[in-house]
PDB file of all heavy atoms in Angstrom:
ATOM      1  N   LEU A   1       0.826  -1.195   0.000  1.00  0.00           N
ATOM      2  CA  LEU A   1       0.000   0.002  -0.001  1.00  0.00           C
ATOM      3  C   LEU A   1       0.865   1.250   0.002  1.00  0.00           C
ATOM      4  O   LEU A   1       1.944   1.281   0.603  1.00  0.00           O
ATOM      5  CB  LEU A   1      -0.911   0.022   1.230  1.00  0.00           C
ATOM      6  CG  LEU A   1      -2.140  -0.890   1.208  1.00  0.00           C
ATOM      7  CD1 LEU A   1      -2.838  -0.838   2.559  1.00  0.00           C
ATOM      8  CD2 LEU A   1      -3.100  -0.487   0.106  1.00  0.00           C
ATOM      9  N   ARG A   2       0.391   2.279  -0.677  1.00  0.00           N
ATOM     10  CA  ARG A   2       1.078   3.566  -0.652  1.00  0.00           C
ATOM     11  C   ARG A   2       0.878   4.200   0.720  1.00  0.00           C
ATOM     12  O   ARG A   2      -0.191   4.089   1.326  1.00  0.00           O
ATOM     13  CB  ARG A   2       0.502   4.475  -1.749  1.00  0.00           C
ATOM     14  CG  ARG A   2       1.185   5.838  -1.865  1.00  0.00           C
ATOM     15  CD  ARG A   2       0.621   6.622  -3.013  1.00  0.00           C
ATOM     16  NE  ARG A   2       0.832   5.927  -4.277  1.00  0.00           N
ATOM     17  CZ  ARG A   2       0.277   6.283  -5.428  1.00  0.00           C
ATOM     18  NH1 ARG A   2      -0.542   7.296  -5.475  1.00  0.00           N
ATOM     19  NH2 ARG A   2       0.530   5.608  -6.530  1.00  0.00           N
ATOM     20  N   ASP A   3       1.894   4.856   1.227  1.00  0.00           N
ATOM     21  CA  ASP A   3       1.819   5.495   2.541  1.00  0.00           C
ATOM     22  C   ASP A   3       0.632   6.451   2.593  1.00  0.00           C
ATOM     23  O   ASP A   3       0.450   7.293   1.701  1.00  0.00           O
ATOM     24  CB  ASP A   3       3.102   6.277   2.838  1.00  0.00           C
ATOM     25  CG  ASP A   3       4.290   5.368   3.142  1.00  0.00           C
ATOM     26  OD1 ASP A   3       4.038   4.173   3.427  1.00  0.00           O
ATOM     27  OD2 ASP A   3       5.436   5.838   3.099  1.00  0.00           O
ATOM     28  N   GLY A   4      -0.181   6.296   3.638  1.00  0.00           N
ATOM     29  CA  GLY A   4      -1.298   7.200   3.842  1.00  0.00           C
ATOM     30  C   GLY A   4      -2.554   6.849   3.056  1.00  0.00           C
ATOM     31  O   GLY A   4      -3.535   7.587   3.118  1.00  0.00           O
ATOM     32  N   HIS A   5      -2.534   5.727   2.321  1.00  0.00           N
ATOM     33  CA  HIS A   5      -3.697   5.343   1.529  1.00  0.00           C
ATOM     34  C   HIS A   5      -4.286   4.035   2.055  1.00  0.00           C
ATOM     35  O   HIS A   5      -3.562   3.148   2.493  1.00  0.00           O
ATOM     36  CB  HIS A   5      -3.320   5.177   0.059  1.00  0.00           C
ATOM     37  CG  HIS A   5      -3.050   6.476  -0.647  1.00  0.00           C
ATOM     38  ND1 HIS A   5      -3.960   7.065  -1.484  1.00  0.00           N
ATOM     39  CD2 HIS A   5      -1.972   7.296  -0.609  1.00  0.00           C
ATOM     40  CE1 HIS A   5      -3.457   8.200  -1.950  1.00  0.00           C
ATOM     41  NE2 HIS A   5      -2.250   8.361  -1.437  1.00  0.00           N
ATOM     42  N   MET A   6      -5.614   3.915   1.957  1.00  0.00           N
ATOM     43  CA  MET A   6      -6.279   2.716   2.438  1.00  0.00           C
ATOM     44  C   MET A   6      -6.306   1.602   1.396  1.00  0.00           C
ATOM     45  O   MET A   6      -6.397   0.433   1.731  1.00  0.00           O
ATOM     46  CB  MET A   6      -7.720   3.047   2.855  1.00  0.00           C
ATOM     47  CG  MET A   6      -7.809   3.962   4.059  1.00  0.00           C
ATOM     48  SD  MET A   6      -9.529   4.295   4.525  1.00  0.00           S
ATOM     49  CE  MET A   6     -10.067   2.637   4.985  1.00  0.00           C
ATOM     50  N   SER A   7      -6.258   1.964   0.101  1.00  0.00           N
ATOM     51  CA  SER A   7      -6.341   0.936  -0.933  1.00  0.00           C
ATOM     52  C   SER A   7      -5.366   1.129  -2.082  1.00  0.00           C
ATOM     53  O   SER A   7      -5.022   0.170  -2.763  1.00  0.00           O
ATOM     54  CB  SER A   7      -7.772   0.863  -1.485  1.00  0.00           C
ATOM     55  OG  SER A   7      -8.147   2.104  -2.067  1.00  0.00           O
ATOM     56  N   ALA A   8      -4.918   2.358  -2.326  1.00  0.00           N
ATOM     57  CA  ALA A   8      -4.018   2.614  -3.446  1.00  0.00           C
ATOM     58  C   ALA A   8      -2.673   1.931  -3.228  1.00  0.00           C
ATOM     59  O   ALA A   8      -2.108   1.964  -2.137  1.00  0.00           O
ATOM     60  CB  ALA A   8      -3.811   4.108  -3.640  1.00  0.00           C
ATOM     61  N   VAL A   9      -2.166   1.310  -4.291  1.00  0.00           N
ATOM     62  CA  VAL A   9      -0.923   0.548  -4.231  1.00  0.00           C
ATOM     63  C   VAL A   9       0.258   1.440  -4.601  1.00  0.00           C
ATOM     64  O   VAL A   9       0.148   2.347  -5.432  1.00  0.00           O
ATOM     65  CB  VAL A   9      -0.999  -0.671  -5.181  1.00  0.00           C
ATOM     66  CG1 VAL A   9       0.343  -1.364  -5.319  1.00  0.00           C
ATOM     67  CG2 VAL A   9      -2.051  -1.646  -4.664  1.00  0.00           C
ATOM     68  N   ASP A  10       1.384   1.181  -3.972  1.00  0.00           N
ATOM     69  CA  ASP A  10       2.616   1.893  -4.299  1.00  0.00           C
ATOM     70  C   ASP A  10       3.133   1.368  -5.639  1.00  0.00           C
ATOM     71  O   ASP A  10       3.952   0.458  -5.700  1.00  0.00           O
ATOM     72  CB  ASP A  10       3.652   1.677  -3.194  1.00  0.00           C
ATOM     73  CG  ASP A  10       4.860   2.582  -3.366  1.00  0.00           C
ATOM     74  OD1 ASP A  10       4.786   3.524  -4.166  1.00  0.00           O
ATOM     75  OD2 ASP A  10       5.880   2.320  -2.698  1.00  0.00           O
ATOM     76  N   SER A  11       2.602   1.944  -6.714  1.00  0.00           N
ATOM     77  CA  SER A  11       2.940   1.514  -8.070  1.00  0.00           C
ATOM     78  C   SER A  11       3.399   2.729  -8.881  1.00  0.00           C
ATOM     79  O   SER A  11       3.281   3.867  -8.416  1.00  0.00           O
ATOM     80  CB  SER A  11       1.718   0.850  -8.728  1.00  0.00           C
ATOM     81  OG  SER A  11       0.623   1.742  -8.770  1.00  0.00           O
ATOM     82  N   PRO A  12       3.904   2.515 -10.090  1.00  0.00           N
ATOM     83  CA  PRO A  12       4.524   3.616 -10.839  1.00  0.00           C
ATOM     84  C   PRO A  12       3.513   4.580 -11.474  1.00  0.00           C
ATOM     85  O   PRO A  12       3.491   4.773 -12.690  1.00  0.00           O
ATOM     86  CB  PRO A  12       5.339   2.873 -11.908  1.00  0.00           C
ATOM     87  CG  PRO A  12       4.599   1.611 -12.145  1.00  0.00           C
ATOM     88  CD  PRO A  12       4.040   1.224 -10.794  1.00  0.00           C
ATOM     89  N   LYS A  13       2.679   5.208 -10.667  1.00  0.00           N
ATOM     90  CA  LYS A  13       1.665   6.135 -11.179  1.00  0.00           C
ATOM     91  C   LYS A  13       2.307   7.287 -11.960  1.00  0.00           C
ATOM     92  O   LYS A  13       1.855   7.639 -13.058  1.00  0.00           O
ATOM     93  CB  LYS A  13       0.844   6.684 -10.012  1.00  0.00           C
ATOM     94  CG  LYS A  13      -0.153   7.766 -10.390  1.00  0.00           C
ATOM     95  CD  LYS A  13      -0.870   8.289  -9.150  1.00  0.00           C
ATOM     96  CE  LYS A  13      -1.786   9.457  -9.506  1.00  0.00           C
ATOM     97  NZ  LYS A  13      -2.468   9.997  -8.299  1.00  0.00           N
ATOM     98  N   GLU A  14       3.362   7.858 -11.394  1.00  0.00           N
ATOM     99  CA  GLU A  14       3.998   9.014 -12.035  1.00  0.00           C
ATOM    100  C   GLU A  14       4.605   8.638 -13.385  1.00  0.00           C
ATOM    101  O   GLU A  14       4.507   9.388 -14.360  1.00  0.00           O
ATOM    102  CB  GLU A  14       5.067   9.612 -11.116  1.00  0.00           C
ATOM    103  CG  GLU A  14       4.517  10.341  -9.894  1.00  0.00           C
ATOM    104  CD  GLU A  14       3.918   9.396  -8.862  1.00  0.00           C
ATOM    105  OE1 GLU A  14       4.314   8.196  -8.832  1.00  0.00           O
ATOM    106  OE2 GLU A  14       3.050   9.834  -8.087  1.00  0.00           O
ATOM    107  N   GLU A  15       5.240   7.469 -13.445  1.00  0.00           N
ATOM    108  CA  GLU A  15       5.828   7.016 -14.710  1.00  0.00           C
ATOM    109  C   GLU A  15       4.737   6.787 -15.760  1.00  0.00           C
ATOM    110  O   GLU A  15       4.899   7.146 -16.932  1.00  0.00           O
ATOM    111  CB  GLU A  15       6.613   5.724 -14.500  1.00  0.00           C
ATOM    112  CG  GLU A  15       7.234   5.177 -15.779  1.00  0.00           C
ATOM    113  CD  GLU A  15       7.814   3.781 -15.594  1.00  0.00           C
ATOM    114  OE1 GLU A  15       8.041   3.376 -14.438  1.00  0.00           O
ATOM    115  OE2 GLU A  15       7.992   3.093 -16.616  1.00  0.00           O
ATOM    116  N   ILE A  16       3.627   6.184 -15.342  1.00  0.00           N
ATOM    117  CA  ILE A  16       2.516   5.951 -16.267  1.00  0.00           C
ATOM    118  C   ILE A  16       1.999   7.273 -16.812  1.00  0.00           C
ATOM    119  O   ILE A  16       1.768   7.424 -18.019  1.00  0.00           O
ATOM    120  CB  ILE A  16       1.383   5.175 -15.562  1.00  0.00           C
ATOM    121  CG1 ILE A  16       1.851   3.759 -15.205  1.00  0.00           C
ATOM    122  CG2 ILE A  16       0.138   5.109 -16.445  1.00  0.00           C
ATOM    123  CD1 ILE A  16       0.903   3.014 -14.287  1.00  0.00           C
ATOM    124  N   LEU A  17       1.826   8.239 -15.929  1.00  0.00           N
ATOM    125  CA  LEU A  17       1.320   9.541 -16.359  1.00  0.00           C
ATOM    126  C   LEU A  17       2.327  10.252 -17.268  1.00  0.00           C
ATOM    127  O   LEU A  17       1.935  10.925 -18.230  1.00  0.00           O
ATOM    128  CB  LEU A  17       0.998  10.408 -15.144  1.00  0.00           C
ATOM    129  CG  LEU A  17      -0.218   9.955 -14.320  1.00  0.00           C
ATOM    130  CD1 LEU A  17      -0.346  10.786 -13.052  1.00  0.00           C
ATOM    131  CD2 LEU A  17      -1.495  10.059 -15.142  1.00  0.00           C
ATOM    132  N   ASP A  18       3.630  10.116 -16.983  1.00  0.00           N
ATOM    133  CA  ASP A  18       4.653  10.732 -17.829  1.00  0.00           C
ATOM    134  C   ASP A  18       4.597  10.195 -19.258  1.00  0.00           C
ATOM    135  O   ASP A  18       4.743  10.939 -20.224  1.00  0.00           O
ATOM    136  CB  ASP A  18       6.051  10.489 -17.249  1.00  0.00           C
ATOM    137  CG  ASP A  18       6.341  11.352 -16.037  1.00  0.00           C
ATOM    138  OD1 ASP A  18       5.602  12.337 -15.828  1.00  0.00           O
ATOM    139  OD2 ASP A  18       7.287  11.031 -15.292  1.00  0.00           O
ATOM    140  N   VAL A  19       4.376   8.885 -19.379  1.00  0.00           N
ATOM    141  CA  VAL A  19       4.399   8.244 -20.697  1.00  0.00           C
ATOM    142  C   VAL A  19       3.048   8.357 -21.401  1.00  0.00           C
ATOM    143  O   VAL A  19       2.985   8.598 -22.609  1.00  0.00           O
ATOM    144  CB  VAL A  19       4.792   6.752 -20.562  1.00  0.00           C
ATOM    145  CG1 VAL A  19       4.679   6.038 -21.903  1.00  0.00           C
ATOM    146  CG2 VAL A  19       6.201   6.628 -20.000  1.00  0.00           C
ATOM    147  N   MET A  20       1.953   8.220 -20.645  1.00  0.00           N
ATOM    148  CA  MET A  20       0.647   8.085 -21.276  1.00  0.00           C
ATOM    149  C   MET A  20      -0.331   9.216 -20.942  1.00  0.00           C
ATOM    150  O   MET A  20      -1.337   9.395 -21.628  1.00  0.00           O
ATOM    151  CB  MET A  20       0.014   6.743 -20.868  1.00  0.00           C
ATOM    152  CG  MET A  20       0.870   5.535 -21.184  1.00  0.00           C
ATOM    153  SD  MET A  20       0.143   3.962 -20.622  1.00  0.00           S
ATOM    154  CE  MET A  20      -1.243   3.796 -21.746  1.00  0.00           C
ATOM    155  N   GLY A  21      -0.038   9.975 -19.900  1.00  0.00           N
ATOM    156  CA  GLY A  21      -1.021  10.908 -19.369  1.00  0.00           C
ATOM    157  C   GLY A  21      -1.325  12.108 -20.228  1.00  0.00           C
ATOM    158  O   GLY A  21      -2.367  12.739 -20.062  1.00  0.00           O
ATOM    159  N   ASP A  22      -0.442  12.460 -21.163  1.00  0.00           N
ATOM    160  CA  ASP A  22      -0.677  13.646 -21.985  1.00  0.00           C
ATOM    161  C   ASP A  22      -1.597  13.380 -23.168  1.00  0.00           C
ATOM    162  O   ASP A  22      -2.027  14.317 -23.838  1.00  0.00           O
ATOM    163  CB  ASP A  22       0.659  14.208 -22.506  1.00  0.00           C
ATOM    164  CG  ASP A  22       1.475  14.863 -21.399  1.00  0.00           C
ATOM    165  OD1 ASP A  22       0.853  15.260 -20.379  1.00  0.00           O
ATOM    166  OD2 ASP A  22       2.694  14.966 -21.545  1.00  0.00           O
ATOM    167  N   HIS A  23      -1.866  12.121 -23.447  1.00  0.00           N
ATOM    168  CA  HIS A  23      -2.747  11.808 -24.578  1.00  0.00           C
ATOM    169  C   HIS A  23      -4.178  12.213 -24.222  1.00  0.00           C
ATOM    170  O   HIS A  23      -4.671  11.939 -23.124  1.00  0.00           O
ATOM    171  CB  HIS A  23      -2.703  10.307 -24.897  1.00  0.00           C
ATOM    172  CG  HIS A  23      -3.183   9.982 -26.262  1.00  0.00           C
ATOM    173  ND1 HIS A  23      -4.503  10.049 -26.628  1.00  0.00           N
ATOM    174  CD2 HIS A  23      -2.517   9.572 -27.378  1.00  0.00           C
ATOM    175  CE1 HIS A  23      -4.645   9.703 -27.896  1.00  0.00           C
ATOM    176  NE2 HIS A  23      -3.446   9.408 -28.382  1.00  0.00           N
ATOM    177  N   ASP A  24      -4.875  12.874 -25.167  1.00  0.00           N
ATOM    178  CA  ASP A  24      -6.196  13.419 -24.853  1.00  0.00           C
ATOM    179  C   ASP A  24      -7.282  12.352 -24.752  1.00  0.00           C
ATOM    180  O   ASP A  24      -8.422  12.666 -24.387  1.00  0.00           O
ATOM    181  CB  ASP A  24      -6.605  14.486 -25.874  1.00  0.00           C
ATOM    182  CG  ASP A  24      -6.757  13.950 -27.288  1.00  0.00           C
ATOM    183  OD1 ASP A  24      -6.456  12.755 -27.514  1.00  0.00           O
ATOM    184  OD2 ASP A  24      -7.180  14.722 -28.171  1.00  0.00           O
TER     185      ASP A  24
END
């Protein structure tokens, strides 16, 4: 689990957003 979260996993969210997040 990510620190301070009840269900969210400590996974590469930022990397995913860097690669894919700018697509509309």
